[in-house]
PDB file of N, CA and C in Angstrom:
ATOM      1  N   MET A   1      -6.054  -2.876   8.069  1.00  0.00           N
ATOM      2  CA  MET A   1      -5.267  -2.534   6.689  1.00  0.00           C
ATOM      3  C   MET A   1      -4.467  -1.496   6.874  1.00  0.00           C
ATOM      4  N   MET A   2      -3.139  -1.813   6.566  1.00  0.00           N
ATOM      5  CA  MET A   2      -2.147  -0.404   6.401  1.00  0.00           C
ATOM      6  C   MET A   2      -2.097  -0.034   4.869  1.00  0.00           C
ATOM      7  N   ALA A   3      -2.180   1.176   4.880  1.00  0.00           N
ATOM      8  CA  ALA A   3      -2.300   1.130   3.167  1.00  0.00           C
ATOM      9  C   ALA A   3      -1.484   2.812   3.151  1.00  0.00           C
ATOM     10  N   VAL A   4      -0.445   2.651   2.038  1.00  0.00           N
ATOM     11  CA  VAL A   4       0.150   3.673   1.887  1.00  0.00           C
ATOM     12  C   VAL A   4      -0.129   4.561   0.682  1.00  0.00           C
ATOM     13  N   ILE A   5      -0.312   5.809   0.942  1.00  0.00           N
ATOM     14  CA  ILE A   5      -1.513   7.052   0.214  1.00  0.00           C
ATOM     15  C   ILE A   5      -0.261   7.834  -0.085  1.00  0.00           C
ATOM     16  N   GLY A   6       0.149   8.411  -1.249  1.00  0.00           N
ATOM     17  CA  GLY A   6       0.852   9.361  -1.530  1.00  0.00           C
ATOM     18  C   GLY A   6       2.011   9.579  -0.473  1.00  0.00           C
ATOM     19  N   MET A   7       2.481   8.490  -0.088  1.00  0.00           N
ATOM     20  CA  MET A   7       3.640   8.088   0.612  1.00  0.00           C
ATOM     21  C   MET A   7       3.581   8.210   2.030  1.00  0.00           C
ATOM     22  N   ILE A   8       2.087   8.708   2.411  1.00  0.00           N
ATOM     23  CA  ILE A   8       1.936   8.794   3.711  1.00  0.00           C
ATOM     24  C   ILE A   8       1.277   7.583   4.321  1.00  0.00           C
ATOM     25  N   ALA A   9       1.554   6.771   5.447  1.00  0.00           N
ATOM     26  CA  ALA A   9       0.799   5.957   5.661  1.00  0.00           C
ATOM     27  C   ALA A   9      -0.044   6.172   6.725  1.00  0.00           C
ATOM     28  N   ALA A  10      -1.431   5.484   6.228  1.00  0.00           N
ATOM     29  CA  ALA A  10      -2.749   5.931   6.983  1.00  0.00           C
ATOM     30  C   ALA A  10      -3.383   4.511   7.300  1.00  0.00           C
ATOM     31  N   VAL A  11      -3.579   4.630   8.731  1.00  0.00           N
ATOM     32  CA  VAL A  11      -4.016   3.260   8.905  1.00  0.00           C
ATOM     33  C   VAL A  11      -5.526   3.437   9.374  1.00  0.00           C
ATOM     34  N   PHE A  12      -6.449   2.554   8.566  1.00  0.00           N
ATOM     35  CA  PHE A  12      -7.802   2.626   8.378  1.00  0.00           C
ATOM     36  C   PHE A  12      -8.287   1.276   8.168  1.00  0.00           C
ATOM     37  N   THR A  13      -9.616   1.184   8.776  1.00  0.00           N
ATOM     38  CA  THR A  13     -10.395  -0.627   8.138  1.00  0.00           C
ATOM     39  C   THR A  13     -11.316   0.018   7.095  1.00  0.00           C
ATOM     40  N   ALA A  14     -11.339  -0.827   6.035  1.00  0.00           N
ATOM     41  CA  ALA A  14     -12.307  -0.725   5.205  1.00  0.00           C
ATOM     42  C   ALA A  14     -13.388  -1.837   4.810  1.00  0.00           C
ATOM     43  N   THR A  15     -14.699  -1.659   5.187  1.00  0.00           N
ATOM     44  CA  THR A  15     -15.688  -2.404   4.898  1.00  0.00           C
ATOM     45  C   THR A  15     -16.327  -2.538   3.580  1.00  0.00           C
ATOM     46  N   MET A  16     -16.758  -3.636   3.060  1.00  0.00           N
ATOM     47  CA  MET A  16     -17.879  -3.488   1.578  1.00  0.00           C
ATOM     48  C   MET A  16     -19.333  -3.436   2.762  1.00  0.00           C
ATOM     49  N   SER A  17     -20.309  -2.337   2.075  1.00  0.00           N
ATOM     50  CA  SER A  17     -21.333  -2.426   2.497  1.00  0.00           C
ATOM     51  C   SER A  17     -22.474  -2.341   1.294  1.00  0.00           C
ATOM     52  N   PRO A  18     -23.157  -3.240   1.118  1.00  0.00           N
ATOM     53  CA  PRO A  18     -24.331  -3.635  -0.186  1.00  0.00           C
ATOM     54  C   PRO A  18     -25.099  -2.129   0.012  1.00  0.00           C
ATOM     55  N   ALA A  19     -25.203  -1.766   0.972  1.00  0.00           N
ATOM     56  CA  ALA A  19     -26.241  -0.919   1.378  1.00  0.00           C
ATOM     57  C   ALA A  19     -25.845   0.398   0.748  1.00  0.00           C
ATOM     58  N   HIS A  20     -24.607   0.711   0.731  1.00  0.00           N
ATOM     59  CA  HIS A  20     -23.899   1.964   0.255  1.00  0.00           C
ATOM     60  C   HIS A  20     -23.375   1.585  -0.944  1.00  0.00           C
ATOM     61  N   ASP A  21     -23.116   0.658  -1.955  1.00  0.00           N
ATOM     62  CA  ASP A  21     -22.658   0.009  -2.925  1.00  0.00           C
ATOM     63  C   ASP A  21     -21.783   0.898  -3.357  1.00  0.00           C
ATOM     64  N   GLY A  22     -20.531   0.484  -2.328  1.00  0.00           N
ATOM     65  CA  GLY A  22     -19.296   0.717  -2.420  1.00  0.00           C
ATOM     66  C   GLY A  22     -18.584   0.459  -0.947  1.00  0.00           C
ATOM     67  N   ALA A  23     -17.371   0.981  -0.927  1.00  0.00           N
ATOM     68  CA  ALA A  23     -16.276   0.683   0.714  1.00  0.00           C
ATOM     69  C   ALA A  23     -16.795   2.121   1.269  1.00  0.00           C
ATOM     70  N   MET A  24     -16.690   1.347   2.567  1.00  0.00           N
ATOM     71  CA  MET A  24     -16.803   2.605   3.486  1.00  0.00           C
ATOM     72  C   MET A  24     -15.751   2.539   4.547  1.00  0.00           C
ATOM     73  N   ILE A  25     -15.210   3.501   4.807  1.00  0.00           N
ATOM     74  CA  ILE A  25     -13.870   3.644   5.595  1.00  0.00           C
ATOM     75  C   ILE A  25     -14.261   4.227   7.105  1.00  0.00           C
ATOM     76  N   ALA A  26     -13.562   3.437   7.975  1.00  0.00           N
ATOM     77  CA  ALA A  26     -14.243   3.887   9.225  1.00  0.00           C
ATOM     78  C   ALA A  26     -12.298   4.377   9.942  1.00  0.00           C
ATOM     79  N   VAL A  27     -12.080   5.358  10.202  1.00  0.00           N
ATOM     80  CA  VAL A  27     -11.216   5.921  10.775  1.00  0.00           C
ATOM     81  C   VAL A  27     -10.946   5.569  12.121  1.00  0.00           C
ATOM     82  N   SER A  28      -9.867   5.031  12.583  1.00  0.00           N
ATOM     83  CA  SER A  28      -9.292   4.555  13.825  1.00  0.00           C
ATOM     84  C   SER A  28      -8.616   5.730  14.354  1.00  0.00           C
ATOM     85  N   ASP A  29      -9.286   6.511  15.050  1.00  0.00           N
ATOM     86  CA  ASP A  29      -8.184   7.798  15.949  1.00  0.00           C
ATOM     87  C   ASP A  29      -7.326   7.374  16.561  1.00  0.00           C
ATOM     88  N   ASP A  30      -7.564   6.088  17.484  1.00  0.00           N
ATOM     89  CA  ASP A  30      -6.564   5.631  18.053  1.00  0.00           C
ATOM     90  C   ASP A  30      -5.250   5.093  17.751  1.00  0.00           C
ATOM     91  N   SER A  31      -5.536   4.397  16.542  1.00  0.00           N
ATOM     92  CA  SER A  31      -4.554   4.001  16.033  1.00  0.00           C
ATOM     93  C   SER A  31      -3.797   5.027  15.531  1.00  0.00           C
ATOM     94  N   ASN A  32      -4.204   5.918  14.734  1.00  0.00           N
ATOM     95  CA  ASN A  32      -3.463   7.345  14.107  1.00  0.00           C
ATOM     96  C   ASN A  32      -2.839   7.979  15.098  1.00  0.00           C
ATOM     97  N   SER A  33      -3.190   8.011  16.033  1.00  0.00           N
ATOM     98  CA  SER A  33      -2.660   8.448  17.514  1.00  0.00           C
ATOM     99  C   SER A  33      -1.457   7.996  17.894  1.00  0.00           C
ATOM    100  N   THR A  34      -1.564   6.568  17.606  1.00  0.00           N
ATOM    101  CA  THR A  34      -0.277   5.956  18.247  1.00  0.00           C
ATOM    102  C   THR A  34       0.662   6.028  17.194  1.00  0.00           C
ATOM    103  N   TYR A  35       0.345   5.750  15.989  1.00  0.00           N
ATOM    104  CA  TYR A  35       1.426   5.585  14.694  1.00  0.00           C
ATOM    105  C   TYR A  35       2.044   7.109  14.604  1.00  0.00           C
ATOM    106  N   TYR A  36       1.501   8.131  14.496  1.00  0.00           N
ATOM    107  CA  TYR A  36       1.584   9.875  14.252  1.00  0.00           C
ATOM    108  C   TYR A  36       1.920  10.061  15.906  1.00  0.00           C
ATOM    109  N   GLY A  37       1.893   9.700  16.897  1.00  0.00           N
ATOM    110  CA  GLY A  37       2.471  10.380  18.162  1.00  0.00           C
ATOM    111  C   GLY A  37       1.653  11.458  18.437  1.00  0.00           C
ATOM    112  N   LYS A  38       0.471  11.416  17.931  1.00  0.00           N
ATOM    113  CA  LYS A  38      -0.608  12.729  18.189  1.00  0.00           C
ATOM    114  C   LYS A  38      -1.513  12.686  17.421  1.00  0.00           C
ATOM    115  N   ALA A  39      -2.951  13.437  17.883  1.00  0.00           N
ATOM    116  CA  ALA A  39      -3.883  13.276  17.443  1.00  0.00           C
ATOM    117  C   ALA A  39      -4.004  13.684  15.942  1.00  0.00           C
ATOM    118  N   VAL A  40      -4.242  13.151  14.782  1.00  0.00           N
ATOM    119  CA  VAL A  40      -4.480  13.701  13.511  1.00  0.00           C
ATOM    120  C   VAL A  40      -6.142  12.998  12.880  1.00  0.00           C
ATOM    121  N   ARG A  41      -6.296  13.737  11.682  1.00  0.00           N
ATOM    122  CA  ARG A  41      -7.604  13.550  11.436  1.00  0.00           C
ATOM    123  C   ARG A  41      -6.997  13.312   9.839  1.00  0.00           C
ATOM    124  N   PRO A  42      -7.853  12.329   9.498  1.00  0.00           N
ATOM    125  CA  PRO A  42      -7.905  11.998   8.264  1.00  0.00           C
ATOM    126  C   PRO A  42      -7.113  12.858   6.947  1.00  0.00           C
ATOM    127  N   THR A  43      -7.900  13.850   7.189  1.00  0.00           N
ATOM    128  CA  THR A  43      -7.527  15.314   5.986  1.00  0.00           C
ATOM    129  C   THR A  43      -5.875  15.389   6.489  1.00  0.00           C
ATOM    130  N   ASP A  44      -5.516  15.809   7.695  1.00  0.00           N
ATOM    131  CA  ASP A  44      -4.267  15.392   7.921  1.00  0.00           C
ATOM    132  C   ASP A  44      -3.106  14.857   6.990  1.00  0.00           C
ATOM    133  N   ILE A  45      -3.708  13.294   6.854  1.00  0.00           N
ATOM    134  CA  ILE A  45      -3.073  12.424   6.434  1.00  0.00           C
ATOM    135  C   ILE A  45      -3.021  12.509   4.958  1.00  0.00           C
ATOM    136  N   LEU A  46      -4.340  12.534   4.417  1.00  0.00           N
ATOM    137  CA  LEU A  46      -4.446  12.361   2.930  1.00  0.00           C
ATOM    138  C   LEU A  46      -4.506  13.706   2.167  1.00  0.00           C
ATOM    139  N   VAL A  47      -4.987  14.706   2.621  1.00  0.00           N
ATOM    140  CA  VAL A  47      -5.082  15.821   2.136  1.00  0.00           C
ATOM    141  C   VAL A  47      -3.804  16.604   2.287  1.00  0.00           C
ATOM    142  N   LYS A  48      -3.872  17.423   3.501  1.00  0.00           N
ATOM    143  CA  LYS A  48      -3.232  18.385   3.870  1.00  0.00           C
ATOM    144  C   LYS A  48      -1.335  17.618   3.385  1.00  0.00           C
ATOM    145  N   LYS A  49      -1.256  16.122   4.001  1.00  0.00           N
ATOM    146  CA  LYS A  49       0.189  15.513   4.060  1.00  0.00           C
ATOM    147  C   LYS A  49       0.997  16.315   5.047  1.00  0.00           C
ATOM    148  N   SER A  50       0.194  16.645   6.323  1.00  0.00           N
ATOM    149  CA  SER A  50       0.928  17.360   7.331  1.00  0.00           C
ATOM    150  C   SER A  50       1.574  16.558   8.152  1.00  0.00           C
ATOM    151  N   VAL A  51       1.405  15.294   8.596  1.00  0.00           N
ATOM    152  CA  VAL A  51       2.231  14.403   9.104  1.00  0.00           C
ATOM    153  C   VAL A  51       2.955  13.320   8.761  1.00  0.00           C
ATOM    154  N   MET A  52       4.043  12.888   9.695  1.00  0.00           N
ATOM    155  CA  MET A  52       4.644  11.789   8.788  1.00  0.00           C
ATOM    156  C   MET A  52       5.325  10.854  10.410  1.00  0.00           C
ATOM    157  N   ASN A  53       5.360   9.675  10.258  1.00  0.00           N
ATOM    158  CA  ASN A  53       6.241   9.213  11.206  1.00  0.00           C
ATOM    159  C   ASN A  53       7.257   8.950  10.757  1.00  0.00           C
ATOM    160  N   PRO A  54       8.778   9.160  11.113  1.00  0.00           N
ATOM    161  CA  PRO A  54       9.884   9.363  10.727  1.00  0.00           C
ATOM    162  C   PRO A  54      10.175   7.658  10.629  1.00  0.00           C
ATOM    163  N   ALA A  55       9.792   7.060  11.518  1.00  0.00           N
ATOM    164  CA  ALA A  55       9.873   5.576  11.648  1.00  0.00           C
ATOM    165  C   ALA A  55       9.819   4.447  10.303  1.00  0.00           C
ATOM    166  N   SER A  56       8.870   5.234   9.638  1.00  0.00           N
ATOM    167  CA  SER A  56       8.602   4.593   8.407  1.00  0.00           C
ATOM    168  C   SER A  56       9.713   4.741   7.047  1.00  0.00           C
ATOM    169  N   ALA A  57      10.386   5.699   7.138  1.00  0.00           N
ATOM    170  CA  ALA A  57      11.063   5.841   6.195  1.00  0.00           C
ATOM    171  C   ALA A  57      11.655   4.443   5.492  1.00  0.00           C
ATOM    172  N   GLU A  58      12.033   3.236   6.235  1.00  0.00           N
ATOM    173  CA  GLU A  58      12.238   2.312   5.794  1.00  0.00           C
ATOM    174  C   GLU A  58      11.428   1.813   4.678  1.00  0.00           C
ATOM    175  N   LEU A  59       9.962   1.648   4.996  1.00  0.00           N
ATOM    176  CA  LEU A  59       8.905   1.084   4.592  1.00  0.00           C
ATOM    177  C   LEU A  59       8.895   2.173   3.212  1.00  0.00           C
ATOM    178  N   ARG A  60       8.698   3.648   3.013  1.00  0.00           N
ATOM    179  CA  ARG A  60       8.188   4.148   2.120  1.00  0.00           C
ATOM    180  C   ARG A  60       9.551   4.163   1.138  1.00  0.00           C
ATOM    181  N   SER A  61      10.631   3.623   1.832  1.00  0.00           N
ATOM    182  CA  SER A  61      11.755   3.711   0.566  1.00  0.00           C
ATOM    183  C   SER A  61      11.689   2.223  -0.318  1.00  0.00           C
ATOM    184  N   ALA A  62      11.286   1.325   0.669  1.00  0.00           N
ATOM    185  CA  ALA A  62      10.647  -0.104  -0.135  1.00  0.00           C
ATOM    186  C   ALA A  62       9.989   0.065  -0.745  1.00  0.00           C
ATOM    187  N   ILE A  63       9.007   1.154  -0.672  1.00  0.00           N
ATOM    188  CA  ILE A  63       7.727   1.049  -1.358  1.00  0.00           C
ATOM    189  C   ILE A  63       7.951   1.859  -2.832  1.00  0.00           C
ATOM    190  N   THR A  64       8.889   2.848  -2.606  1.00  0.00           N
ATOM    191  CA  THR A  64       9.011   3.624  -3.596  1.00  0.00           C
ATOM    192  C   THR A  64      10.066   2.637  -4.908  1.00  0.00           C
ATOM    193  N   ALA A  65      11.066   2.077  -4.316  1.00  0.00           N
ATOM    194  CA  ALA A  65      11.931   1.069  -4.991  1.00  0.00           C
ATOM    195  C   ALA A  65      11.144  -0.005  -5.652  1.00  0.00           C
ATOM    196  N   LEU A  66      10.451  -0.250  -5.129  1.00  0.00           N
ATOM    197  CA  LEU A  66       9.287  -1.330  -6.085  1.00  0.00           C
ATOM    198  C   LEU A  66       8.070  -1.225  -6.772  1.00  0.00           C
ATOM    199  N   THR A  67       7.771   0.484  -6.548  1.00  0.00           N
ATOM    200  CA  THR A  67       6.945   0.899  -7.663  1.00  0.00           C
ATOM    201  C   THR A  67       7.588   2.084  -8.493  1.00  0.00           C
ATOM    202  N   SER A  68       8.455   1.782  -8.240  1.00  0.00           N
ATOM    203  CA  SER A  68       9.484   2.807  -9.739  1.00  0.00           C
ATOM    204  C   SER A  68      10.122   2.036 -10.390  1.00  0.00           C
ATOM    205  N   LYS A  69      10.251   0.478 -10.417  1.00  0.00           N
ATOM    206  CA  LYS A  69      10.630  -0.649 -11.347  1.00  0.00           C
ATOM    207  C   LYS A  69      10.038  -0.405 -12.538  1.00  0.00           C
ATOM    208  N   ASN A  70      10.794  -1.047 -13.673  1.00  0.00           N
ATOM    209  CA  ASN A  70      10.260  -0.796 -14.732  1.00  0.00           C
ATOM    210  C   ASN A  70      10.188  -2.402 -15.295  1.00  0.00           C
TER     211      ASN A  70
END
């Protein structure tokens, strides 16, 4: 599942688990490394926002246009 959070794309998988009463996110280090071109941690993507894939600029622009329409 591809999610865009804070205009930074993060590749992750999410599964529902009744035992945990909510969602559980499993990080894909291989997918993140492929996407960003280097090893990154979820905190780099979601908290620090210190990584970006320049190839995603068109996608980010389209999302901004769609989400900013009134």
